[in-house]
Amino acid sequence: MNDPTQRVDHAGQALALLKRFFGYDHFRGRQQDIIERVMSGKHAMVIMPTGMGKSLCYQIPALFDLPQPNRLVLVLSPLIALMQDQVHSLSKRGIDATYINSSLDRKERELRYERLAEGGYRIVYVTPERFRKAEFIEALSKRHLTLLAIDEAHCVSQWGHDFRPDYSRIQEIRAQLGNPVTIALTATATQECRQDIYRQMGIDADEIALFHHGIDRPNLKIEVTEAWGDEDKLDSIEASLAREEYRGGSVIIYFSLIKTLERYSDALVQRGVDHVCYHGDLPRHHRRRIQNQFMSGEVDIVLATNAFGMGVDKENIRIVIHAETPGSIESYYQEIGRAGRDDQPSLCQWLYDQNDLMTQMQFIEWSNPDASFYSRLYTLLTEHPEECHAFGMEWMNDRLQKVSRHDHRLATAIAMLDRHGVIAGPHPPDCFDVQADLPKAFLDDVFLSEKKQRDQQRLYAMVQFANETGDRKVFLNQYFLGDSETA
């Protein structure tokens, strides 16, 4: 992959592969430049709106006819549903791809490990957590990794809106793999977030080219509608659903809280609006069924928390409504990016009620435990291990805080202690086994407050966005691009 004299051949072969497997006659935007970059053995960072074809930038390289035996493109992906949908789509196109994750039973995982080791598959999707499994590492060691793709790369950064602790092991993972050519892809990453991603990957900024597509989607109509309470919002939802220019497609209505979603669902039923509901408290098979109904067009309107959407590649979503305030510009932009992928006019409406800000402020508190909380958790784990094992997380939560049974600080703290090797794993029973001392950083409120302040700044940016009197798309561009280092 390192011979620059092969550029012309790469270009021709890439176009032929695009036509053969995906049915397109030409690439969009910078896709071909990105493919040329990684095929020449150089790293790339890709910022591209949802639905604009980021995945092709690593899928096409996996299909190249090159002399190295046992070639493989490995994709790190944050969500099981996302990788399942990707593999299903690739398989329908005749591309040998698979995923290996916790949704498979032991027998099926072992079969996929065996085929992986024997040279099967061009593309394999895994979560970063898979690198905890020795049998996976062993199977992967038999392959020649030509490209590592990090999908939803904002999860790598502690400043990203969807930080995943295992994603911050990327530098360790790359070292295990021999520091392969790497492509990081996301729809949302500010300049500060991008710099943190480079650092977490262990790649110098001058060694990785940024391809920033920009965030403008001309077919999206962005509206912020001031609302005062439930009835005002419900009236606005009904009015938007009736707008003639956006009829005939699918609708997603986003909520921050499950209890609010359920309350609005009851009210919309009374108003005769047919819909389904999707949130994280539903059983996995139920969520999967709802997503399939939505994708097939069997149902047109879904009320959802942000648990819905990753991996939803549906062209005719005409309306995306945020019935509650999103926590950041990043998450907001990720979610409205699901509208209008067929380039037809589509509405993105945020029903802005200042009272909703309190919910997001509470989320920020939950995702940023202070030093006292970490200290009390560590004491509980070290001094009462038998009780923790016997009674579990609910018992621990009751002893760590009394304000709300829905307080999520414990889950956040457990994930962070796992990331730093303090405990044996992120889930029971492993998370109850202490492996190391509590790092000093977790006892330093000044250090811990830094991320909390960034989260607060992101929420304040949403307020600025709501109060913007000019072109809100200009605001979004300025927020994300900063002093861009685009290639």
Protein backbone atom coordinates (compact mmCIF):
# COMPACT_ATOMS: atom_id res chain seq x y z
CA MET A 1 0.00 0.00 0.00
CA ASN A 2 3.02 2.32 0.21
CA ASP A 3 4.02 2.74 -3.48
CA PRO A 4 2.97 6.24 -4.67
CA THR A 5 3.56 5.18 -8.30
CA GLN A 6 0.38 3.12 -8.05
CA ARG A 7 -1.86 6.22 -7.72
CA VAL A 8 -3.31 5.99 -11.25
CA ASP A 9 -3.96 2.26 -10.93
CA HIS A 10 -5.58 2.84 -7.54
CA ALA A 11 -7.87 5.50 -8.98
CA GLY A 12 -9.01 3.31 -11.85
CA GLN A 13 -9.48 0.24 -9.70
CA ALA A 14 -11.36 2.23 -7.03
CA LEU A 15 -13.83 3.53 -9.62
CA ALA A 16 -14.32 0.05 -11.06
CA LEU A 17 -14.97 -1.38 -7.58
CA LEU A 18 -17.43 1.42 -6.82
CA LYS A 19 -19.38 0.59 -9.98
CA ARG A 20 -19.20 -3.19 -9.53
CA PHE A 21 -20.22 -3.46 -5.88
CA PHE A 22 -22.16 -0.27 -5.16
CA GLY A 23 -23.59 0.69 -8.54
CA TYR A 24 -22.29 4.28 -8.61
CA ASP A 25 -20.54 5.84 -11.61
CA HIS A 26 -18.55 8.41 -9.63
CA PHE A 27 -17.41 9.24 -6.11
CA ARG A 28 -18.92 12.02 -3.99
CA GLY A 29 -16.94 14.91 -2.60
CA ARG A 30 -13.46 13.90 -1.42
CA GLN A 31 -14.10 10.14 -1.27
CA GLN A 32 -11.61 9.29 -4.02
CA ASP A 33 -8.91 11.53 -2.49
CA ILE A 34 -9.40 9.81 0.85
CA ILE A 35 -9.12 6.36 -0.71
CA GLU A 36 -5.96 7.43 -2.55
CA ARG A 37 -4.52 8.67 0.76
CA VAL A 38 -4.99 5.41 2.69
CA MET A 39 -4.02 3.25 -0.30
CA SER A 40 -0.70 5.12 -0.40
CA GLY A 41 -0.10 4.10 3.21
CA LYS A 42 -0.97 7.38 4.93
CA HIS A 43 -3.39 8.18 7.74
CA ALA A 44 -6.63 10.16 7.28
CA MET A 45 -9.20 11.90 9.43
CA VAL A 46 -12.60 12.19 7.75
CA ILE A 47 -15.30 14.61 8.91
CA MET A 48 -18.33 14.04 6.72
CA PRO A 49 -22.07 14.56 7.33
CA THR A 50 -24.11 11.51 8.19
CA GLY A 51 -25.31 9.75 5.05
CA MET A 52 -22.67 11.22 2.73
CA GLY A 53 -20.67 8.00 2.30
CA LYS A 54 -17.97 7.82 4.98
CA SER A 55 -18.07 4.02 5.00
CA LEU A 56 -17.03 3.76 1.36
CA CYS A 57 -13.70 5.32 2.30
CA TYR A 58 -12.63 2.10 4.03
CA GLN A 59 -14.90 -0.41 2.27
CA ILE A 60 -13.44 0.25 -1.19
CA PRO A 61 -9.82 -0.24 0.02
CA ALA A 62 -10.85 -3.63 1.45
CA LEU A 63 -11.82 -4.78 -2.07
CA PHE A 64 -8.57 -3.91 -3.86
CA ASP A 65 -6.76 -6.74 -5.59
CA LEU A 66 -3.29 -6.51 -4.03
CA PRO A 67 -0.46 -9.05 -3.69
CA GLN A 68 -0.38 -9.32 0.10
CA PRO A 69 -1.93 -12.61 1.34
CA ASN A 70 -4.48 -12.69 4.16
CA ARG A 71 -5.33 -8.98 3.75
CA LEU A 72 -7.91 -7.51 6.09
CA VAL A 73 -9.58 -4.20 6.89
CA LEU A 74 -10.59 -4.03 10.55
CA VAL A 75 -13.35 -1.62 11.60
CA LEU A 76 -13.83 -0.46 15.19
CA SER A 77 -17.49 0.47 15.63
CA PRO A 78 -19.26 1.58 18.82
CA LEU A 79 -22.65 -0.10 18.43
CA ILE A 80 -23.69 -3.67 17.73
CA ALA A 81 -26.74 -2.59 15.71
CA LEU A 82 -24.56 -0.31 13.59
CA MET A 83 -22.11 -3.05 12.61
CA GLN A 84 -24.89 -5.59 12.02
CA ASP A 85 -26.59 -3.25 9.55
CA GLN A 86 -23.30 -2.53 7.79
CA VAL A 87 -22.46 -6.23 7.41
CA HIS A 88 -25.96 -7.06 6.21
CA SER A 89 -25.69 -4.37 3.52
CA LEU A 90 -22.22 -5.52 2.43
CA SER A 91 -23.25 -9.18 2.30
CA LYS A 92 -26.16 -8.34 0.00
CA ARG A 93 -23.59 -6.78 -2.36
CA GLY A 94 -21.48 -9.92 -2.38
CA ILE A 95 -18.74 -8.55 -0.11
CA ASP A 96 -17.21 -10.99 2.38
CA ALA A 97 -17.68 -9.17 5.68
CA THR A 98 -18.62 -10.10 9.21
CA TYR A 99 -18.90 -8.78 12.76
CA ILE A 100 -17.75 -10.37 16.00
CA ASN A 101 -19.46 -9.12 19.13
CA SER A 102 -21.39 -10.11 22.25
CA SER A 103 -24.64 -10.67 20.32
CA LEU A 104 -23.21 -13.97 19.03
CA ASP A 105 -23.28 -17.16 21.08
CA ARG A 106 -19.98 -18.80 21.98
CA LYS A 107 -20.16 -21.40 19.20
CA GLU A 108 -20.75 -18.80 16.49
CA ARG A 109 -17.97 -16.55 17.80
CA GLU A 110 -15.54 -19.48 17.73
CA LEU A 111 -16.55 -20.31 14.15
CA ARG A 112 -15.89 -16.70 13.10
CA TYR A 113 -12.55 -16.66 14.93
CA GLU A 114 -11.58 -19.82 13.05
CA ARG A 115 -12.57 -18.42 9.66
CA LEU A 116 -10.84 -15.12 10.44
CA ALA A 117 -7.60 -16.96 11.26
CA GLU A 118 -7.86 -19.02 8.06
CA GLY A 119 -8.07 -15.95 5.82
CA GLY A 120 -11.82 -15.48 5.50
CA TYR A 121 -13.47 -12.06 5.33
CA ARG A 122 -12.26 -8.85 3.70
CA ILE A 123 -13.82 -6.61 6.37
CA VAL A 124 -14.39 -7.41 10.06
CA TYR A 125 -16.35 -5.14 12.42
CA VAL A 126 -15.69 -5.26 16.17
CA THR A 127 -16.09 -3.01 19.19
CA PRO A 128 -12.87 -1.93 20.96
CA GLU A 129 -13.92 -4.16 23.87
CA ARG A 130 -13.20 -7.21 21.67
CA PHE A 131 -9.49 -6.59 22.23
CA ARG A 132 -9.97 -7.82 25.80
CA LYS A 133 -10.41 -11.34 24.36
CA ALA A 134 -7.20 -13.34 23.90
CA GLU A 135 -8.82 -15.70 21.36
CA PHE A 136 -9.68 -12.74 19.12
CA ILE A 137 -6.15 -11.36 19.31
CA GLU A 138 -4.80 -14.80 18.41
CA ALA A 139 -7.07 -15.16 15.35
CA LEU A 140 -6.29 -11.62 14.21
CA SER A 141 -2.53 -12.26 14.46
CA LYS A 142 -2.82 -14.62 11.48
CA ARG A 143 -3.91 -11.79 9.18
CA HIS A 144 -2.17 -8.94 7.34
CA LEU A 145 -3.97 -5.80 8.49
CA THR A 146 -3.84 -3.24 5.69
CA LEU A 147 -6.16 -0.66 7.23
CA LEU A 148 -7.67 0.11 10.63
CA ALA A 149 -10.89 2.13 10.41
CA ILE A 150 -12.20 3.89 13.53
CA ASP A 151 -15.85 4.63 12.94
CA GLU A 152 -17.67 7.27 15.03
CA ALA A 153 -14.20 8.51 15.99
CA HIS A 154 -15.56 11.23 18.29
CA CYS A 155 -16.03 8.39 20.81
CA VAL A 156 -12.23 8.34 21.14
CA SER A 157 -12.00 11.83 22.59
CA GLN A 158 -12.79 12.68 26.18
CA TRP A 159 -14.08 15.96 24.73
CA GLY A 160 -16.35 14.12 22.28
CA HIS A 161 -20.09 14.07 22.91
CA ASP A 162 -20.25 10.27 23.12
CA PHE A 163 -17.00 9.33 24.87
CA ARG A 164 -16.45 5.58 25.24
CA PRO A 165 -13.72 4.52 27.70
CA ASP A 166 -12.59 1.52 25.63
CA TYR A 167 -12.21 3.79 22.60
CA SER A 168 -9.50 5.61 24.53
CA ARG A 169 -7.44 2.42 24.33
CA ILE A 170 -6.94 3.08 20.62
CA GLN A 171 -3.23 3.81 20.98
CA GLU A 172 -2.72 0.48 22.79
CA ILE A 173 -4.80 -1.31 20.16
CA ARG A 174 -2.83 0.25 17.30
CA ALA A 175 0.41 -0.80 18.98
CA GLN A 176 -0.89 -4.38 19.32
CA LEU A 177 -1.66 -4.35 15.60
CA GLY A 178 1.73 -2.99 14.59
CA ASN A 179 0.57 0.64 14.15
CA PRO A 180 -1.27 0.09 10.85
CA VAL A 181 -2.50 2.74 8.42
CA THR A 182 -5.48 4.29 10.19
CA ILE A 183 -8.57 6.17 9.02
CA ALA A 184 -10.75 7.88 11.62
CA LEU A 185 -14.28 8.86 10.60
CA THR A 186 -17.06 10.91 12.20
CA ALA A 187 -19.76 13.40 11.34
CA THR A 188 -18.98 15.59 14.34
CA ALA A 189 -15.64 16.72 15.74
CA THR A 190 -14.58 20.22 16.67
CA GLN A 191 -10.96 21.29 16.23
CA GLU A 192 -10.25 20.58 19.91
CA CYS A 193 -11.89 17.16 19.64
CA ARG A 194 -9.84 16.32 16.53
CA GLN A 195 -6.58 17.18 18.27
CA ASP A 196 -7.55 14.92 21.17
CA ILE A 197 -8.40 12.10 18.74
CA TYR A 198 -4.94 12.35 17.15
CA ARG A 199 -3.34 12.22 20.60
CA GLN A 200 -5.44 9.26 21.72
CA MET A 201 -4.54 7.36 18.54
CA GLY A 202 -0.83 8.07 19.00
CA ILE A 203 -0.52 9.78 15.61
CA ASP A 204 1.14 13.19 15.23
CA ALA A 205 -1.14 15.81 13.72
CA ASP A 206 1.28 16.39 10.83
CA GLU A 207 1.09 12.67 9.91
CA ILE A 208 -2.69 12.58 9.46
CA ALA A 209 -4.55 14.53 6.77
CA LEU A 210 -7.92 16.04 7.63
CA PHE A 211 -10.64 15.75 4.98
CA HIS A 212 -13.45 18.02 6.17
CA HIS A 213 -16.49 17.85 3.94
CA GLY A 214 -18.16 20.72 5.75
CA ILE A 215 -21.48 20.41 7.51
CA ASP A 216 -23.82 22.19 5.09
CA ARG A 217 -26.75 20.11 3.83
CA PRO A 218 -28.68 22.47 1.50
CA ASN A 219 -31.83 20.34 1.50
CA LEU A 220 -32.25 20.55 5.30
CA LYS A 221 -34.52 23.25 6.66
CA ILE A 222 -33.30 24.09 10.20
CA GLU A 223 -35.88 25.67 12.49
CA VAL A 224 -35.82 26.55 16.18
CA THR A 225 -39.33 27.06 17.51
CA GLU A 226 -39.75 28.55 20.98
CA ALA A 227 -42.22 26.48 22.99
CA TRP A 228 -43.88 26.81 26.38
CA GLY A 229 -44.76 23.45 27.91
CA ASP A 230 -46.23 20.20 26.62
CA GLU A 231 -49.36 21.49 24.91
CA ASP A 232 -47.44 24.07 22.93
CA LYS A 233 -44.96 21.42 21.81
CA LEU A 234 -47.69 18.93 20.89
CA ASP A 235 -49.42 21.59 18.78
CA SER A 236 -46.13 22.30 17.00
CA ILE A 237 -45.54 18.59 16.35
CA GLU A 238 -48.99 18.19 14.83
CA ALA A 239 -48.52 21.30 12.70
CA SER A 240 -45.14 20.08 11.41
CA LEU A 241 -46.51 16.63 10.56
CA ALA A 242 -49.20 18.34 8.48
CA ARG A 243 -46.79 20.50 6.43
CA GLU A 244 -47.36 19.49 2.83
CA GLU A 245 -43.76 19.96 1.66
CA TYR A 246 -42.52 17.33 4.13
CA ARG A 247 -45.23 14.71 3.79
CA GLY A 248 -44.71 11.24 2.33
CA GLY A 249 -41.67 10.16 4.30
CA SER A 250 -40.61 9.04 7.75
CA VAL A 251 -40.40 11.04 10.99
CA ILE A 252 -38.19 10.82 14.08
CA ILE A 253 -39.18 12.76 17.21
CA TYR A 254 -36.33 12.84 19.75
CA PHE A 255 -36.64 13.06 23.54
CA SER A 256 -34.04 13.25 26.32
CA LEU A 257 -36.08 11.39 28.94
CA ILE A 258 -38.03 8.15 28.62
CA LYS A 259 -40.76 9.42 30.94
CA THR A 260 -41.28 12.48 28.72
CA LEU A 261 -41.37 10.28 25.62
CA GLU A 262 -44.04 8.06 27.18
CA ARG A 263 -46.09 11.09 28.26
CA TYR A 264 -46.03 12.52 24.74
CA SER A 265 -46.83 9.12 23.27
CA ASP A 266 -50.04 8.97 25.32
CA ALA A 267 -50.96 12.50 24.26
CA LEU A 268 -50.30 11.82 20.56
CA VAL A 269 -52.42 8.66 20.72
CA GLN A 270 -55.28 10.80 22.04
CA ARG A 271 -54.72 13.16 19.11
CA GLY A 272 -54.90 10.29 16.64
CA VAL A 273 -51.21 10.30 15.63
CA ASP A 274 -50.05 6.74 14.94
CA HIS A 275 -46.47 6.02 16.02
CA VAL A 276 -44.12 3.61 17.76
CA CYS A 277 -41.70 4.23 20.63
CA TYR A 278 -38.02 3.33 20.95
CA HIS A 279 -35.81 3.69 24.03
CA GLY A 280 -33.10 1.90 25.96
CA ASP A 281 -35.41 0.33 28.57
CA LEU A 282 -37.13 -1.82 25.94
CA PRO A 283 -35.88 -5.41 25.45
CA ARG A 284 -33.29 -5.76 22.68
CA HIS A 285 -35.58 -7.88 20.46
CA HIS A 286 -38.34 -5.26 20.82
CA ARG A 287 -35.99 -2.45 19.83
CA ARG A 288 -34.78 -4.46 16.86
CA ARG A 289 -38.34 -5.11 15.70
CA ILE A 290 -39.24 -1.41 15.89
CA GLN A 291 -36.12 -0.44 13.95
CA ASN A 292 -36.93 -3.02 11.25
CA GLN A 293 -40.52 -1.74 11.00
CA PHE A 294 -39.25 1.81 10.61
CA MET A 295 -36.62 0.86 8.02
CA SER A 296 -39.12 -1.14 5.95
CA GLY A 297 -41.67 1.68 5.96
CA GLU A 298 -44.20 -0.37 7.93
CA VAL A 299 -44.31 2.50 10.45
CA ASP A 300 -43.67 6.15 9.59
CA ILE A 301 -43.30 7.91 12.94
CA VAL A 302 -41.02 6.89 15.82
CA LEU A 303 -40.70 8.63 19.18
CA ALA A 304 -37.18 7.90 20.41
CA THR A 305 -34.38 8.73 22.79
CA ASN A 306 -30.91 9.13 21.36
CA ALA A 307 -30.54 5.35 21.64
CA PHE A 308 -32.20 5.32 18.21
CA GLY A 309 -30.48 6.35 15.03
CA MET A 310 -26.95 4.92 14.93
CA GLY A 311 -26.92 2.65 11.91
CA VAL A 312 -30.26 3.92 10.59
CA ASP A 313 -29.50 4.57 6.93
CA LYS A 314 -32.94 5.44 5.59
CA GLU A 315 -33.16 7.82 2.66
CA ASN A 316 -36.63 9.33 3.02
CA ILE A 317 -36.68 10.68 6.58
CA ARG A 318 -38.55 13.92 5.95
CA ILE A 319 -38.78 15.31 9.49
CA VAL A 320 -36.55 15.18 12.57
CA ILE A 321 -38.01 16.96 15.59
CA HIS A 322 -36.20 17.51 18.88
CA ALA A 323 -39.00 17.76 21.43
CA GLU A 324 -36.43 18.33 24.19
CA THR A 325 -33.14 20.21 24.18
CA PRO A 326 -30.13 18.15 23.01
CA GLY A 327 -27.05 18.21 25.22
CA SER A 328 -24.64 19.52 22.60
CA ILE A 329 -24.29 20.83 19.07
CA GLU A 330 -22.47 17.59 18.24
CA SER A 331 -25.33 15.30 19.23
CA TYR A 332 -27.90 17.63 17.66
CA TYR A 333 -26.05 17.66 14.34
CA GLN A 334 -25.55 13.89 14.42
CA GLU A 335 -29.31 13.40 14.84
CA ILE A 336 -30.54 15.90 12.24
CA GLY A 337 -28.06 14.32 9.83
CA ARG A 338 -30.45 11.38 9.51
CA ALA A 339 -32.94 13.56 7.63
CA GLY A 340 -33.05 13.96 3.86
CA ARG A 341 -30.40 11.52 2.72
CA ASP A 342 -32.20 11.36 -0.62
CA ASP A 343 -31.41 15.09 -1.05
CA GLN A 344 -35.11 15.98 -0.92
CA PRO A 345 -36.37 18.89 1.23
CA SER A 346 -36.51 17.85 4.87
CA LEU A 347 -37.37 19.61 8.13
CA CYS A 348 -35.16 19.69 11.24
CA GLN A 349 -37.11 21.36 14.02
CA TRP A 350 -36.04 21.96 17.60
CA LEU A 351 -38.84 22.84 20.06
CA TYR A 352 -36.89 25.04 22.45
CA ASP A 353 -38.19 25.34 26.00
CA GLN A 354 -35.71 26.90 28.44
CA ASN A 355 -37.00 24.61 31.19
CA ASP A 356 -35.48 21.65 29.31
CA LEU A 357 -32.01 22.95 30.08
CA MET A 358 -32.37 21.66 33.64
CA THR A 359 -32.56 18.08 32.33
CA GLN A 360 -29.32 18.45 30.41
CA MET A 361 -27.64 20.11 33.40
CA GLN A 362 -28.59 17.05 35.44
CA PHE A 363 -27.10 14.77 32.77
CA ILE A 364 -23.85 16.74 33.01
CA GLU A 365 -23.75 16.17 36.78
CA TRP A 366 -24.33 12.44 36.30
CA SER A 367 -21.59 12.09 33.70
CA ASN A 368 -19.02 13.90 35.86
CA PRO A 369 -18.65 12.31 39.32
CA ASP A 370 -16.56 14.39 41.72
CA ALA A 371 -13.57 13.27 43.80
CA SER A 372 -15.77 12.51 46.80
CA PHE A 373 -17.89 10.10 44.77
CA TYR A 374 -14.83 8.26 43.39
CA SER A 375 -13.36 8.02 46.89
CA ARG A 376 -16.57 6.62 48.38
CA LEU A 377 -16.95 4.14 45.50
CA TYR A 378 -13.37 2.90 45.90
CA THR A 379 -13.87 2.54 49.66
CA LEU A 380 -17.06 0.55 49.08
CA LEU A 381 -15.32 -1.79 46.62
CA THR A 382 -12.29 -2.38 48.84
CA GLU A 383 -13.97 -2.59 52.25
CA HIS A 384 -17.21 -4.35 51.29
CA PRO A 385 -16.35 -6.67 48.36
CA GLU A 386 -18.60 -9.49 49.57
CA GLU A 387 -21.66 -7.24 49.76
CA CYS A 388 -20.91 -5.74 46.33
CA HIS A 389 -20.73 -9.20 44.79
CA ALA A 390 -23.82 -10.41 46.64
CA PHE A 391 -26.16 -7.45 46.18
CA GLY A 392 -24.81 -5.77 43.04
CA MET A 393 -25.02 -2.33 41.50
CA GLU A 394 -28.41 -1.32 42.88
CA TRP A 395 -27.22 -1.91 46.45
CA MET A 396 -24.06 0.07 45.74
CA ASN A 397 -26.03 2.94 44.20
CA ASP A 398 -28.26 3.18 47.27
CA ARG A 399 -25.21 3.60 49.48
CA LEU A 400 -23.42 6.09 47.29
CA GLN A 401 -26.24 8.56 46.79
CA LYS A 402 -29.76 9.22 48.07
CA VAL A 403 -31.00 11.88 45.68
CA SER A 404 -32.33 9.84 42.77
CA ARG A 405 -32.45 6.17 41.90
CA HIS A 406 -31.88 7.24 38.29
CA ASP A 407 -28.56 8.92 39.09
CA HIS A 408 -26.03 7.55 36.57
CA ARG A 409 -22.80 8.58 38.30
CA LEU A 410 -22.07 5.00 39.34
CA ALA A 411 -22.11 3.72 35.75
CA THR A 412 -19.84 6.58 34.68
CA ALA A 413 -17.39 6.01 37.53
CA ILE A 414 -17.26 2.23 36.97
CA ALA A 415 -16.46 2.76 33.27
CA MET A 416 -13.66 5.20 34.10
CA LEU A 417 -12.14 2.95 36.78
CA ASP A 418 -12.16 0.11 34.27
CA ARG A 419 -10.47 2.31 31.65
CA HIS A 420 -7.63 3.07 34.11
CA GLY A 421 -7.19 -0.55 35.21
CA VAL A 422 -8.46 0.01 38.76
CA ILE A 423 -11.09 -2.71 38.45
CA ALA A 424 -11.22 -5.90 36.37
CA GLY A 425 -14.00 -4.92 33.98
CA PRO A 426 -16.87 -2.57 33.22
CA HIS A 427 -19.70 -4.97 34.13
CA PRO A 428 -20.62 -7.24 37.08
CA PRO A 429 -19.10 -9.34 38.49
CA ASP A 430 -15.68 -8.23 37.14
CA CYS A 431 -16.21 -4.59 38.08
CA PHE A 432 -16.32 -5.54 41.77
CA ASP A 433 -12.74 -6.87 41.71
CA VAL A 434 -10.19 -4.17 42.55
CA GLN A 435 -6.89 -4.52 40.69
CA ALA A 436 -5.01 -1.32 41.56
CA ASP A 437 -4.96 1.83 43.67
CA LEU A 438 -7.19 4.75 42.79
CA PRO A 439 -5.18 7.18 40.60
CA LYS A 440 -4.53 10.58 42.14
CA ALA A 441 -6.36 12.27 39.26
CA PHE A 442 -9.65 10.81 40.53
CA LEU A 443 -9.12 12.55 43.85
CA ASP A 444 -8.41 15.91 42.20
CA ASP A 445 -11.56 17.99 41.76
CA VAL A 446 -9.69 20.55 39.65
CA PHE A 447 -8.76 17.85 37.14
CA LEU A 448 -12.24 16.30 37.19
CA SER A 449 -13.97 19.67 36.75
CA GLU A 450 -12.23 20.30 33.42
CA LYS A 451 -14.41 17.89 31.46
CA LYS A 452 -17.52 19.06 33.33
CA GLN A 453 -16.79 22.63 32.27
CA ARG A 454 -16.43 21.51 28.64
CA ASP A 455 -19.80 19.73 28.84
CA GLN A 456 -21.35 22.91 30.23
CA GLN A 457 -19.79 24.94 27.42
CA ARG A 458 -21.31 22.58 24.85
CA LEU A 459 -24.74 23.01 26.42
CA TYR A 460 -24.28 26.80 26.42
CA ALA A 461 -23.50 26.56 22.69
CA MET A 462 -26.98 25.08 22.23
CA VAL A 463 -28.44 28.18 23.92
CA GLN A 464 -26.38 30.39 21.61
CA PHE A 465 -27.60 28.37 18.64
CA ALA A 466 -31.23 28.83 19.74
CA ASN A 467 -30.75 32.58 20.09
CA GLU A 468 -28.87 32.97 16.79
CA THR A 469 -30.59 35.63 14.67
CA GLY A 470 -28.56 35.01 11.52
CA ASP A 471 -28.07 31.92 9.39
CA ARG A 472 -27.87 28.95 11.75
CA LYS A 473 -25.97 26.90 9.19
CA VAL A 474 -23.20 29.51 9.31
CA PHE A 475 -23.18 29.11 13.10
CA LEU A 476 -22.77 25.33 12.73
CA ASN A 477 -19.92 25.72 10.25
CA GLN A 478 -18.05 28.08 12.55
CA TYR A 479 -18.60 25.77 15.53
CA PHE A 480 -17.16 22.71 13.84
CA LEU A 481 -14.53 24.06 11.50
CA GLY A 482 -12.64 26.49 13.74
CA ASP A 483 -9.18 27.14 12.28
CA SER A 484 -9.40 24.03 10.12
CA GLU A 485 -6.35 22.10 8.99
CA THR A 486 -8.22 20.57 6.05
CA ALA A 487 -6.20 18.71 3.38
